[in-house]
C-alpha cells in the first residue's frame, strides 16, 4: 500500500482546513493497513447481479427499509478517495445511506441504488462501499459515490433500492425501499440506536484501521450503538472525548418501570472514521432513548449537528 501524504487532501474548490482534516482522518483510516479484498466492501458494478430469491420486504416483525440518505458532500470527495474508495472518486458527491438491518455485502452492487434529483433526473453512480463502517454489527451504512445533482440548482431528493439487496441473515430483500434525501446544508443527526450484540461476528471486512475500539469489560453491563447520518468528528477533526461523552444522555428503564437519565461511563468505537459510536453503560436497566445537544459534532462538509434524539431499538 503506498504512503499517503496530507498533500493528497490539499484544498480543492475552496474546502476549509477543518473539512480537509476530517476527510483525511476518515480516509487515512481506510487506506492504512491491509485489506482482505476491496471487492468485499466496494462495488463498481452498475448492474444488479443478485438473483431474485423471492425474499419478502418484511418478515418476523423486521422490515427492510432505508432509514436515512444524507447528502454529505457535493463534488467534495478528496483526491485520496480515488485510492481509498474507488478510482475516479476524487471530486465526486458522497452520500451515506443507512439500512434498517445489516446487509449482506455479497448482494451489494452499485446498480442496486437509484438517486433521483428534484428535476426528476437520475444521478450517475460510480461506486458504493461499506467503508469505513465494517466492524461487526455495523454493516448497515453504504456510501454512494457519483454525481447526484447540485446542492443549489438540482439537489438529490430520493434514494431507491432497485436491485436485489439482502439483509445479512438472508431473510429480507430491500428492493423497493426508498427514502428522502437530507439536503447538504443540515448537519448530521442520530438515525438509530440499538443495544449492541456482544456476540456480533466481525467478518474481517475492510482494513485494520477501520476496526474501532470496544467497551471495556471492567464494570460495563452493556453498550448502546448509535448511528449518525454520516461520519462525525469534532470541528477541528479530532475524535470526541470525555467532554463529548458527558453530553450524551441515555434514558433507561428499571424493572419497576421507572425511568432515569444517565451518561455513558465510556465512549468507544472511536478512531475508525465511521458514523458509529458505542455508549458504554454500567447499568443493566433497559436503554430507551439517546439524546445529544446541538453544535458539537461536524460532518465532512463542516456542518454542525442539530439537537438530536432517537429511540433505542430492542435487540431482536
Protein backbone atom coordinates (compact mmCIF):
# COMPACT_ATOMS: atom_id res chain seq x y z
CA UNK A 1 0.00 0.00 0.00
CA UNK A 2 1.56 3.38 -0.98
CA UNK A 3 2.24 6.02 1.64
CA UNK A 4 -0.44 8.70 1.79
CA UNK A 5 0.59 12.32 2.28
CA UNK A 6 -1.62 15.09 3.59
CA UNK A 7 -0.80 16.84 0.32
CA UNK A 8 -3.24 14.39 -1.24
CA UNK A 9 -6.08 16.19 0.54
CA UNK A 10 -4.95 19.77 -0.10
CA UNK A 11 -7.59 22.43 -0.74
CA UNK A 12 -9.74 21.63 -3.75
CA UNK A 13 -12.55 24.03 -4.67
CA UNK A 14 -12.17 26.14 -1.52
CA UNK A 15 -12.68 23.41 1.07
CA UNK A 16 -11.83 24.57 4.60
CA UNK A 17 -8.89 23.24 6.59
CA UNK A 18 -11.24 21.59 9.07
CA UNK A 19 -13.04 19.81 6.25
CA UNK A 20 -9.77 18.56 4.83
CA UNK A 21 -8.62 17.32 8.24
CA UNK A 22 -11.84 15.34 8.72
CA UNK A 23 -11.69 13.85 5.25
CA UNK A 24 -8.04 12.95 5.65
CA UNK A 25 -8.67 11.34 9.04
CA UNK A 26 -11.54 9.22 7.72
CA UNK A 27 -9.83 8.16 4.51
CA UNK A 28 -6.48 7.56 6.20
CA UNK A 29 -8.27 5.03 8.40
CA UNK A 30 -9.38 3.28 5.22
CA UNK A 31 -6.07 3.17 3.36
CA UNK A 32 -3.86 2.28 6.33
CA UNK A 33 -3.45 -1.44 6.87
CA UNK A 34 -4.05 -4.46 4.71
CA UNK A 35 -7.45 -5.39 3.37
CA UNK A 36 -8.67 -8.93 2.66
CA UNK A 37 -10.17 -7.59 -0.57
CA UNK A 38 -11.57 -4.22 -1.52
CA UNK A 39 -14.16 -6.10 -3.56
CA UNK A 40 -15.60 -7.45 -0.30
CA UNK A 41 -16.81 -3.99 0.68
CA UNK A 42 -16.89 -1.90 -2.53
CA UNK A 43 -18.79 -2.38 -5.80
CA UNK A 44 -18.42 -0.63 -9.15
CA UNK A 45 -20.88 -2.99 -10.83
CA UNK A 46 -23.66 -0.84 -12.31
CA UNK A 47 -25.94 -3.84 -12.86
CA UNK A 48 -27.72 -5.95 -10.27
CA UNK A 49 -26.11 -9.39 -10.32
CA UNK A 50 -28.01 -10.83 -7.35
CA UNK A 51 -30.60 -13.44 -8.30
CA UNK A 52 -34.20 -12.97 -7.25
CA UNK A 53 -34.59 -15.26 -4.22
CA UNK A 54 -38.24 -14.28 -3.70
CA UNK A 55 -37.44 -12.80 -0.30
CA UNK A 56 -40.01 -10.51 1.36
CA UNK A 57 -39.57 -6.89 2.43
CA UNK A 58 -40.92 -7.78 5.87
CA UNK A 59 -40.60 -10.91 8.00
CA UNK A 60 -40.82 -11.74 11.68
CA UNK A 61 -41.56 -8.15 12.66
CA UNK A 62 -38.49 -6.81 10.82
CA UNK A 63 -38.83 -4.58 7.75
CA UNK A 64 -36.28 -3.94 5.02
CA UNK A 65 -36.30 -0.13 4.99
CA UNK A 66 -33.96 2.75 4.32
CA UNK A 67 -33.63 4.93 7.42
CA UNK A 68 -31.60 7.81 6.00
CA UNK A 69 -29.84 9.20 2.93
CA UNK A 70 -27.52 12.11 3.76
CA UNK A 71 -26.15 14.39 1.02
CA UNK A 72 -22.81 14.74 2.75
CA UNK A 73 -20.54 16.17 0.04
CA UNK A 74 -21.30 17.97 -3.23
CA UNK A 75 -18.34 17.45 -5.59
CA UNK A 76 -16.25 17.31 -2.43
CA UNK A 77 -14.55 13.91 -2.18
CA UNK A 78 -10.78 14.48 -1.99
CA UNK A 79 -8.04 13.05 -4.18
CA UNK A 80 -7.35 10.34 -1.60
CA UNK A 81 -10.83 8.90 -2.22
CA UNK A 82 -9.69 7.59 -5.60
CA UNK A 83 -7.26 5.29 -3.78
CA UNK A 84 -9.25 4.57 -0.65
CA UNK A 85 -12.70 4.01 -2.17
CA UNK A 86 -12.70 3.60 -5.95
CA UNK A 87 -10.89 5.01 -8.96
CA UNK A 88 -12.45 8.27 -10.09
CA UNK A 89 -14.00 9.15 -6.72
CA UNK A 90 -11.99 12.40 -6.47
CA UNK A 91 -14.31 15.40 -6.85
CA UNK A 92 -17.48 13.32 -6.74
CA UNK A 93 -20.51 13.54 -4.43
CA UNK A 94 -20.73 11.41 -1.29
CA UNK A 95 -24.00 10.18 0.21
CA UNK A 96 -24.20 7.73 3.15
CA UNK A 97 -27.36 5.60 3.12
CA UNK A 98 -28.43 3.74 6.27
CA UNK A 99 -30.42 0.49 6.25
CA UNK A 100 -32.79 -0.83 8.90
CA UNK A 101 -30.70 -4.01 9.23
CA UNK A 102 -27.17 -5.03 8.37
CA UNK A 103 -26.82 -6.08 4.75
CA UNK A 104 -25.14 -8.99 3.01
CA UNK A 105 -22.12 -7.45 1.20
CA UNK A 106 -22.14 -10.24 -1.39
CA UNK A 107 -25.51 -8.98 -2.67
CA UNK A 108 -24.48 -5.29 -2.86
CA UNK A 109 -23.88 -3.78 -6.29
CA UNK A 110 -23.67 -0.12 -7.29
CA UNK A 111 -26.55 -0.78 -9.67
CA UNK A 112 -28.82 -1.59 -6.73
CA UNK A 113 -29.16 2.13 -5.96
CA UNK A 114 -31.01 4.87 -7.85
CA UNK A 115 -30.71 8.54 -6.87
CA UNK A 116 -33.33 10.96 -8.22
CA UNK A 117 -32.90 14.75 -8.26
CA UNK A 118 -35.50 17.50 -7.82
CA UNK A 119 -35.86 17.81 -11.60
CA UNK A 120 -36.56 14.09 -11.95
CA UNK A 121 -33.13 13.30 -13.37
CA UNK A 122 -31.32 10.12 -12.34
CA UNK A 123 -27.94 10.52 -10.68
CA UNK A 124 -24.83 8.87 -12.10
CA UNK A 125 -23.46 6.19 -9.77
CA UNK A 126 -19.73 5.49 -9.75
CA UNK A 127 -19.39 3.03 -6.87
CA UNK A 128 -20.78 2.10 -3.47
CA UNK A 129 -18.87 0.98 -0.39
CA UNK A 130 -19.37 -0.12 3.19
CA UNK A 131 -16.12 1.58 4.17
CA UNK A 132 -15.32 2.64 6.78
CA UNK A 133 -18.21 1.14 8.82
CA UNK A 134 -17.08 -2.50 8.65
CA UNK A 135 -16.98 -3.68 12.28
CA UNK A 136 -19.27 -6.44 13.49
CA UNK A 137 -22.78 -5.01 13.85
CA UNK A 138 -22.07 -2.01 11.58
CA UNK A 139 -22.81 -3.30 8.07
CA UNK A 140 -25.82 -1.04 7.52
CA UNK A 141 -24.19 2.17 6.20
CA UNK A 142 -23.40 2.29 2.47
CA UNK A 143 -21.58 5.29 0.98
CA UNK A 144 -22.79 6.17 -2.52
CA UNK A 145 -20.19 7.86 -4.74
CA UNK A 146 -21.07 9.59 -8.00
CA UNK A 147 -22.77 12.66 -9.45
CA UNK A 148 -26.13 13.13 -7.77
CA UNK A 149 -27.08 16.68 -8.73
CA UNK A 150 -26.09 20.13 -7.47
CA UNK A 151 -26.94 21.28 -3.96
CA UNK A 152 -28.40 24.61 -5.13
CA UNK A 153 -29.55 24.01 -8.71
CA UNK A 154 -30.89 20.44 -8.72
CA UNK A 155 -30.34 18.59 -5.44
CA UNK A 156 -30.90 14.87 -4.91
CA UNK A 157 -34.27 14.22 -3.29
CA UNK A 158 -34.66 10.44 -3.07
CA UNK A 159 -32.77 7.16 -3.00
CA UNK A 160 -34.41 3.88 -4.00
CA UNK A 161 -33.17 0.30 -3.98
CA UNK A 162 -33.87 -1.06 -7.45
CA UNK A 163 -31.88 -4.31 -7.23
CA UNK A 164 -31.97 -7.39 -5.04
CA UNK A 165 -30.03 -6.40 -1.92
CA UNK A 166 -30.42 -8.80 1.00
CA UNK A 167 -30.25 -8.48 4.76
CA UNK A 168 -27.20 -10.08 6.36
CA UNK A 169 -29.24 -13.05 7.60
CA UNK A 170 -30.69 -13.71 4.14
CA UNK A 171 -34.32 -13.27 5.15
CA UNK A 172 -35.19 -9.88 3.60
CA UNK A 173 -34.81 -8.14 0.23
CA UNK A 174 -34.51 -4.32 0.26
CA UNK A 175 -35.68 -3.97 -3.34
CA UNK A 176 -38.31 -1.21 -3.46
CA UNK A 177 -37.17 0.52 -0.28
CA UNK A 178 -36.99 4.29 -0.68
CA UNK A 179 -36.10 7.33 1.46
CA UNK A 180 -35.98 11.09 1.05
CA UNK A 181 -32.54 12.69 0.97
CA UNK A 182 -31.41 15.06 3.73
CA UNK A 183 -30.05 18.14 1.88
CA UNK A 184 -26.42 19.26 2.00
CA UNK A 185 -26.75 22.14 4.47
CA UNK A 186 -28.16 20.44 7.59
CA UNK A 187 -25.71 18.80 9.95
CA UNK A 188 -25.75 15.11 10.92
CA UNK A 189 -28.43 13.69 13.22
CA UNK A 190 -28.75 10.44 15.12
CA UNK A 191 -30.53 7.97 12.85
CA UNK A 192 -30.80 4.92 15.07
CA UNK A 193 -29.65 3.36 18.31
CA UNK A 194 -29.61 -0.27 19.35
CA UNK A 195 -28.38 -2.43 22.20
CA UNK A 196 -25.12 -3.75 20.82
CA UNK A 197 -24.83 -7.50 20.49
CA UNK A 198 -21.56 -8.57 22.17
CA UNK A 199 -21.58 -11.77 20.09
CA UNK A 200 -21.83 -9.95 16.72
CA UNK A 201 -19.26 -11.52 14.42
CA UNK A 202 -16.61 -9.32 12.84
CA UNK A 203 -16.38 -10.60 9.27
CA UNK A 204 -12.90 -9.21 8.78
CA UNK A 205 -14.01 -6.73 6.13
CA UNK A 206 -12.21 -3.51 5.33
CA UNK A 207 -8.84 -2.55 6.76
CA UNK A 208 -7.50 -2.97 10.25
CA UNK A 209 -7.66 0.79 10.80
CA UNK A 210 -11.45 0.67 10.30
CA UNK A 211 -11.70 -1.53 13.40
CA UNK A 212 -12.92 0.73 16.20
CA UNK A 213 -12.16 0.13 19.86
CA UNK A 214 -14.61 -1.74 22.10
CA UNK A 215 -16.08 -1.01 25.51
CA UNK A 216 -14.01 -2.31 28.40
CA UNK A 217 -15.39 -5.34 30.21
CA UNK A 218 -14.48 -3.82 33.57
CA UNK A 219 -17.74 -2.70 35.18
CA UNK A 220 -19.61 -2.37 31.87
CA UNK A 221 -23.01 -4.07 31.79
CA UNK A 222 -23.99 -3.31 28.18
CA UNK A 223 -23.36 -0.97 25.27
CA UNK A 224 -25.65 1.05 23.02
CA UNK A 225 -24.55 1.56 19.42
CA UNK A 226 -25.62 4.92 17.98
CA UNK A 227 -25.54 5.53 14.24
CA UNK A 228 -25.19 9.07 12.88
CA UNK A 229 -26.41 10.08 9.41
CA UNK A 230 -22.78 10.48 8.34
CA UNK A 231 -19.28 10.39 9.74
CA UNK A 232 -18.75 12.79 12.64
CA UNK A 233 -15.79 14.35 14.43
CA UNK A 234 -15.15 17.50 16.42
CA UNK A 235 -14.91 20.75 14.44
CA UNK A 236 -11.11 20.51 14.40
CA UNK A 237 -11.23 16.97 13.00
CA UNK A 238 -10.36 15.26 16.28
CA UNK A 239 -12.32 12.35 17.73
CA UNK A 240 -14.82 13.11 20.52
CA UNK A 241 -13.53 12.56 24.05
CA UNK A 242 -14.65 12.74 27.65
CA UNK A 243 -16.34 16.12 27.25
CA UNK A 244 -18.50 14.80 24.41
CA UNK A 245 -19.16 11.51 26.22
CA UNK A 246 -20.63 13.57 29.05
CA UNK A 247 -23.03 15.25 26.61
CA UNK A 248 -24.71 12.01 25.57
CA UNK A 249 -27.91 11.41 27.56
CA UNK A 250 -29.30 7.89 27.78
CA UNK A 251 -32.75 7.29 29.25
CA UNK A 252 -33.01 3.86 30.89
CA UNK A 253 -35.97 2.00 32.37
CA UNK A 254 -35.71 -0.08 35.54
CA UNK A 255 -37.56 -3.33 36.19
CA UNK A 256 -40.23 -1.42 38.15
CA UNK A 257 -40.96 0.79 35.13
CA UNK A 258 -39.30 3.92 36.47
CA UNK A 259 -37.05 5.87 34.12
CA UNK A 260 -33.92 7.94 34.71
CA UNK A 261 -31.33 9.73 32.63
CA UNK A 262 -27.68 8.69 32.72
CA UNK A 263 -24.46 9.42 30.86
CA UNK A 264 -22.21 6.69 29.44
CA UNK A 265 -19.23 5.84 31.61
CA UNK A 266 -17.13 5.49 28.47
CA UNK A 267 -17.30 6.21 24.74
CA UNK A 268 -15.94 3.58 22.34
CA UNK A 269 -15.74 2.64 18.64
CA UNK A 270 -13.51 5.64 18.00
CA UNK A 271 -10.57 6.21 15.69
CA UNK A 272 -12.00 4.36 12.69
CA UNK A 273 -13.53 7.23 10.74
CA UNK A 274 -17.10 5.92 10.61
CA UNK A 275 -20.54 7.07 11.80
CA UNK A 276 -20.91 4.73 14.79
CA UNK A 277 -20.26 5.30 18.49
CA UNK A 278 -20.59 2.79 21.33
CA UNK A 279 -22.02 4.17 24.57
CA UNK A 280 -20.67 2.00 27.39
CA UNK A 281 -23.13 1.71 30.28
CA UNK A 282 -22.59 0.49 33.84
CA UNK A 283 -26.25 -0.45 34.35
CA UNK A 284 -28.36 -3.39 33.21
CA UNK A 285 -31.51 -1.23 33.08
CA UNK A 286 -33.15 -1.16 29.64
CA UNK A 287 -31.98 1.71 27.39
CA UNK A 288 -34.97 3.61 26.00
CA UNK A 289 -33.58 6.62 24.13
CA UNK A 290 -30.40 8.57 23.40
CA UNK A 291 -30.08 12.35 23.05
CA UNK A 292 -27.22 14.67 22.09
CA UNK A 293 -27.11 18.50 22.11
CA UNK A 294 -26.63 20.78 19.10
CA UNK A 295 -23.44 22.29 17.78
CA UNK A 296 -20.84 19.74 18.92
CA UNK A 297 -20.07 17.28 16.11
CA UNK A 298 -19.41 18.12 12.46
CA UNK A 299 -19.71 16.20 9.21
CA UNK A 300 -17.06 16.35 6.42
CA UNK A 301 -18.91 19.33 4.91
CA UNK A 302 -18.27 21.32 8.11
CA UNK A 303 -21.96 21.27 9.15
CA UNK A 304 -22.64 21.01 12.89
CA UNK A 305 -25.21 18.62 14.31
CA UNK A 306 -28.66 19.82 15.44
CA UNK A 307 -30.07 18.74 18.79
CA UNK A 308 -30.99 15.14 18.14
CA UNK A 309 -32.73 12.25 19.91
CA UNK A 310 -33.56 8.71 18.87
CA UNK A 311 -35.31 5.71 20.43
CA UNK A 312 -33.23 2.63 21.21
CA UNK A 313 -34.30 -0.41 19.21
CA UNK A 314 -34.56 -3.60 21.28
CA UNK A 315 -32.33 -6.48 20.33
CA UNK A 316 -34.24 -8.90 18.01
